[in-house]
Amino acid sequence: MKKLNIYPNDIKRLVLSHQHWDHIGGLPEILQANPEIKVYVLRPFLKT
């Protein structure tokens, strides 16, 4: 994110499509840095 000049406080929404580690691995750190982010998950994400 740093290399792309993306900062956690600039993120307003996250959409999670599935639970692969390479997609959700940094989620705790992002939420810690910006707890105001709205997180949306697709229904299949919840079926585990």
PDB file of N, CA and C in Angstrom:
ATOM      1  N   MET A   1       0.831  -1.185   0.000  1.00  0.00           N
ATOM      2  CA  MET A   1       0.000   0.000   0.000  1.00  0.00           C
ATOM      3  C   MET A   1       0.876   1.249   0.000  1.00  0.00           C
ATOM      4  N   LYS A   2       1.970   1.180   0.746  1.00  0.00           N
ATOM      5  CA  LYS A   2       2.859   2.337   0.819  1.00  0.00           C
ATOM      6  C   LYS A   2       3.408   2.700  -0.562  1.00  0.00           C
ATOM      7  N   LYS A   3       3.831   1.678  -1.311  1.00  0.00           N
ATOM      8  CA  LYS A   3       4.381   1.918  -2.650  1.00  0.00           C
ATOM      9  C   LYS A   3       3.352   2.538  -3.587  1.00  0.00           C
ATOM     10  N   LEU A   4       2.077   2.248  -3.346  1.00  0.00           N
ATOM     11  CA  LEU A   4       0.998   2.780  -4.189  1.00  0.00           C
ATOM     12  C   LEU A   4       0.407   4.070  -3.630  1.00  0.00           C
ATOM     13  N   ASN A   5       0.983   4.569  -2.531  1.00  0.00           N
ATOM     14  CA  ASN A   5       0.471   5.775  -1.869  1.00  0.00           C
ATOM     15  C   ASN A   5      -0.997   5.625  -1.469  1.00  0.00           C
ATOM     16  N   ILE A   6      -1.317   4.459  -0.933  1.00  0.00           N
ATOM     17  CA  ILE A   6      -2.664   4.203  -0.409  1.00  0.00           C
ATOM     18  C   ILE A   6      -2.540   4.163   1.108  1.00  0.00           C
ATOM     19  N   TYR A   7      -3.352   4.946   1.772  1.00  0.00           N
ATOM     20  CA  TYR A   7      -3.286   5.046   3.229  1.00  0.00           C
ATOM     21  C   TYR A   7      -4.592   4.546   3.831  1.00  0.00           C
ATOM     22  N   PRO A   8      -4.512   3.782   4.917  1.00  0.00           N
ATOM     23  CA  PRO A   8      -5.715   3.217   5.524  1.00  0.00           C
ATOM     24  C   PRO A   8      -6.806   4.243   5.805  1.00  0.00           C
ATOM     25  N   ASN A   9      -6.439   5.438   6.188  1.00  0.00           N
ATOM     26  CA  ASN A   9      -7.459   6.446   6.502  1.00  0.00           C
ATOM     27  C   ASN A   9      -8.203   6.943   5.266  1.00  0.00           C
ATOM     28  N   ASP A  10      -7.652   6.688   4.089  1.00  0.00           N
ATOM     29  CA  ASP A  10      -8.321   7.082   2.852  1.00  0.00           C
ATOM     30  C   ASP A  10      -9.343   6.043   2.384  1.00  0.00           C
ATOM     31  N   ILE A  11      -9.276   4.851   2.946  1.00  0.00           N
ATOM     32  CA  ILE A  11     -10.170   3.769   2.528  1.00  0.00           C
ATOM     33  C   ILE A  11     -11.499   3.915   3.257  1.00  0.00           C
ATOM     34  N   LYS A  12     -12.566   3.921   2.504  1.00  0.00           N
ATOM     35  CA  LYS A  12     -13.905   4.071   3.089  1.00  0.00           C
ATOM     36  C   LYS A  12     -14.653   2.740   3.160  1.00  0.00           C
ATOM     37  N   ARG A  13     -14.428   1.856   2.157  1.00  0.00           N
ATOM     38  CA  ARG A  13     -15.152   0.591   2.080  1.00  0.00           C
ATOM     39  C   ARG A  13     -14.229  -0.524   1.600  1.00  0.00           C
ATOM     40  N   LEU A  14     -14.477  -1.720   2.126  1.00  0.00           N
ATOM     41  CA  LEU A  14     -13.819  -2.928   1.656  1.00  0.00           C
ATOM     42  C   LEU A  14     -14.899  -3.924   1.260  1.00  0.00           C
ATOM     43  N   VAL A  15     -14.684  -4.615   0.174  1.00  0.00           N
ATOM     44  CA  VAL A  15     -15.594  -5.682  -0.247  1.00  0.00           C
ATOM     45  C   VAL A  15     -14.795  -6.971  -0.260  1.00  0.00           C
ATOM     46  N   LEU A  16     -15.237  -7.939   0.517  1.00  0.00           N
ATOM     47  CA  LEU A  16     -14.556  -9.227   0.597  1.00  0.00           C
ATOM     48  C   LEU A  16     -15.399 -10.265  -0.127  1.00  0.00           C
ATOM     49  N   SER A  17     -14.805 -10.908  -1.116  1.00  0.00           N
ATOM     50  CA  SER A  17     -15.555 -11.860  -1.925  1.00  0.00           C
ATOM     51  C   SER A  17     -15.391 -13.294  -1.442  1.00  0.00           C
ATOM     52  N   HIS A  18     -14.234 -13.608  -0.860  1.00  0.00           N
ATOM     53  CA  HIS A  18     -13.989 -14.962  -0.377  1.00  0.00           C
ATOM     54  C   HIS A  18     -12.854 -14.940   0.631  1.00  0.00           C
ATOM     55  N   GLN A  19     -12.679 -16.062   1.310  1.00  0.00           N
ATOM     56  CA  GLN A  19     -11.797 -16.091   2.469  1.00  0.00           C
ATOM     57  C   GLN A  19     -10.392 -16.608   2.181  1.00  0.00           C
ATOM     58  N   HIS A  20      -9.884 -16.473   1.004  1.00  0.00           N
ATOM     59  CA  HIS A  20      -8.498 -16.873   0.760  1.00  0.00           C
ATOM     60  C   HIS A  20      -7.570 -15.927   1.513  1.00  0.00           C
ATOM     61  N   TRP A  21      -6.544 -16.511   2.124  1.00  0.00           N
ATOM     62  CA  TRP A  21      -5.637 -15.742   2.969  1.00  0.00           C
ATOM     63  C   TRP A  21      -5.019 -14.559   2.233  1.00  0.00           C
ATOM     64  N   ASP A  22      -4.708 -14.728   0.941  1.00  0.00           N
ATOM     65  CA  ASP A  22      -4.072 -13.632   0.210  1.00  0.00           C
ATOM     66  C   ASP A  22      -5.030 -12.472  -0.038  1.00  0.00           C
ATOM     67  N   HIS A  23      -6.295 -12.656   0.254  1.00  0.00           N
ATOM     68  CA  HIS A  23      -7.284 -11.582   0.099  1.00  0.00           C
ATOM     69  C   HIS A  23      -7.642 -10.935   1.440  1.00  0.00           C
ATOM     70  N   ILE A  24      -7.566 -11.700   2.526  1.00  0.00           N
ATOM     71  CA  ILE A  24      -8.008 -11.167   3.823  1.00  0.00           C
ATOM     72  C   ILE A  24      -6.901 -11.129   4.874  1.00  0.00           C
ATOM     73  N   GLY A  25      -5.688 -11.518   4.507  1.00  0.00           N
ATOM     74  CA  GLY A  25      -4.600 -11.617   5.478  1.00  0.00           C
ATOM     75  C   GLY A  25      -4.287 -10.320   6.202  1.00  0.00           C
ATOM     76  N   GLY A  26      -4.425  -9.183   5.542  1.00  0.00           N
ATOM     77  CA  GLY A  26      -4.100  -7.907   6.165  1.00  0.00           C
ATOM     78  C   GLY A  26      -5.285  -7.197   6.785  1.00  0.00           C
ATOM     79  N   LEU A  27      -6.434  -7.851   6.786  1.00  0.00           N
ATOM     80  CA  LEU A  27      -7.650  -7.205   7.293  1.00  0.00           C
ATOM     81  C   LEU A  27      -7.527  -6.706   8.734  1.00  0.00           C
ATOM     82  N   PRO A  28      -6.995  -7.490   9.668  1.00  0.00           N
ATOM     83  CA  PRO A  28      -6.882  -6.972  11.039  1.00  0.00           C
ATOM     84  C   PRO A  28      -6.061  -5.681  11.131  1.00  0.00           C
ATOM     85  N   GLU A  29      -4.974  -5.614  10.376  1.00  0.00           N
ATOM     86  CA  GLU A  29      -4.132  -4.422  10.421  1.00  0.00           C
ATOM     87  C   GLU A  29      -4.839  -3.209   9.823  1.00  0.00           C
ATOM     88  N   ILE A  30      -5.569  -3.415   8.735  1.00  0.00           N
ATOM     89  CA  ILE A  30      -6.313  -2.321   8.109  1.00  0.00           C
ATOM     90  C   ILE A  30      -7.380  -1.804   9.063  1.00  0.00           C
ATOM     91  N   LEU A  31      -8.111  -2.722   9.694  1.00  0.00           N
ATOM     92  CA  LEU A  31      -9.174  -2.306  10.622  1.00  0.00           C
ATOM     93  C   LEU A  31      -8.603  -1.637  11.866  1.00  0.00           C
ATOM     94  N   GLN A  32      -7.434  -2.057  12.283  1.00  0.00           N
ATOM     95  CA  GLN A  32      -6.797  -1.405  13.435  1.00  0.00           C
ATOM     96  C   GLN A  32      -6.374   0.016  13.053  1.00  0.00           C
ATOM     97  N   ALA A  33      -5.852   0.176  11.847  1.00  0.00           N
ATOM     98  CA  ALA A  33      -5.406   1.491  11.400  1.00  0.00           C
ATOM     99  C   ALA A  33      -6.575   2.418  11.106  1.00  0.00           C
ATOM    100  N   ASN A  34      -7.705   1.847  10.671  1.00  0.00           N
ATOM    101  CA  ASN A  34      -8.884   2.658  10.347  1.00  0.00           C
ATOM    102  C   ASN A  34     -10.148   1.881  10.708  1.00  0.00           C
ATOM    103  N   PRO A  35     -10.570   1.949  11.959  1.00  0.00           N
ATOM    104  CA  PRO A  35     -11.752   1.194  12.392  1.00  0.00           C
ATOM    105  C   PRO A  35     -13.063   1.713  11.806  1.00  0.00           C
ATOM    106  N   GLU A  36     -13.033   2.814  11.087  1.00  0.00           N
ATOM    107  CA  GLU A  36     -14.251   3.373  10.492  1.00  0.00           C
ATOM    108  C   GLU A  36     -14.577   2.776   9.126  1.00  0.00           C
ATOM    109  N   ILE A  37     -13.702   1.919   8.589  1.00  0.00           N
ATOM    110  CA  ILE A  37     -13.947   1.310   7.279  1.00  0.00           C
ATOM    111  C   ILE A  37     -15.201   0.440   7.350  1.00  0.00           C
ATOM    112  N   LYS A  38     -16.058   0.591   6.361  1.00  0.00           N
ATOM    113  CA  LYS A  38     -17.225  -0.288   6.243  1.00  0.00           C
ATOM    114  C   LYS A  38     -16.792  -1.515   5.455  1.00  0.00           C
ATOM    115  N   VAL A  39     -17.060  -2.688   6.015  1.00  0.00           N
ATOM    116  CA  VAL A  39     -16.660  -3.932   5.374  1.00  0.00           C
ATOM    117  C   VAL A  39     -17.915  -4.649   4.890  1.00  0.00           C
ATOM    118  N   TYR A  40     -17.900  -4.989   3.616  1.00  0.00           N
ATOM    119  CA  TYR A  40     -19.003  -5.726   3.006  1.00  0.00           C
ATOM    120  C   TYR A  40     -18.497  -7.103   2.617  1.00  0.00           C
ATOM    121  N   VAL A  41     -19.290  -8.117   2.884  1.00  0.00           N
ATOM    122  CA  VAL A  41     -18.928  -9.474   2.487  1.00  0.00           C
ATOM    123  C   VAL A  41     -20.046 -10.051   1.637  1.00  0.00           C
ATOM    124  N   LEU A  42     -19.652 -10.802   0.640  1.00  0.00           N
ATOM    125  CA  LEU A  42     -20.638 -11.483  -0.184  1.00  0.00           C
ATOM    126  C   LEU A  42     -21.148 -12.706   0.569  1.00  0.00           C
ATOM    127  N   ARG A  43     -22.361 -13.084   0.313  1.00  0.00           N
ATOM    128  CA  ARG A  43     -22.971 -14.203   1.028  1.00  0.00           C
ATOM    129  C   ARG A  43     -22.120 -15.466   1.003  1.00  0.00           C
ATOM    130  N   PRO A  44     -21.508 -15.855  -0.140  1.00  0.00           N
ATOM    131  CA  PRO A  44     -20.675 -17.065  -0.125  1.00  0.00           C
ATOM    132  C   PRO A  44     -19.503 -16.977   0.854  1.00  0.00           C
ATOM    133  N   PHE A  45     -19.056 -15.788   1.170  1.00  0.00           N
ATOM    134  CA  PHE A  45     -17.961 -15.599   2.121  1.00  0.00           C
ATOM    135  C   PHE A  45     -18.341 -16.178   3.484  1.00  0.00           C
ATOM    136  N   LEU A  46     -19.586 -16.074   3.847  1.00  0.00           N
ATOM    137  CA  LEU A  46     -20.040 -16.490   5.168  1.00  0.00           C
ATOM    138  C   LEU A  46     -20.264 -17.994   5.271  1.00  0.00           C
ATOM    139  N   LYS A  47     -20.266 -18.692   4.153  1.00  0.00           N
ATOM    140  CA  LYS A  47     -20.514 -20.145   4.158  1.00  0.00           C
ATOM    141  C   LYS A  47     -19.200 -20.892   4.230  1.00  0.00           C
ATOM    142  N   THR A  48     -18.749 -21.147   5.458  1.00  0.00           N
ATOM    143  CA  THR A  48     -17.498 -21.885   5.622  1.00  0.00           C
ATOM    144  C   THR A  48     -17.703 -23.047   6.556  1.00  0.00           C
TER     145      THR A  48
END
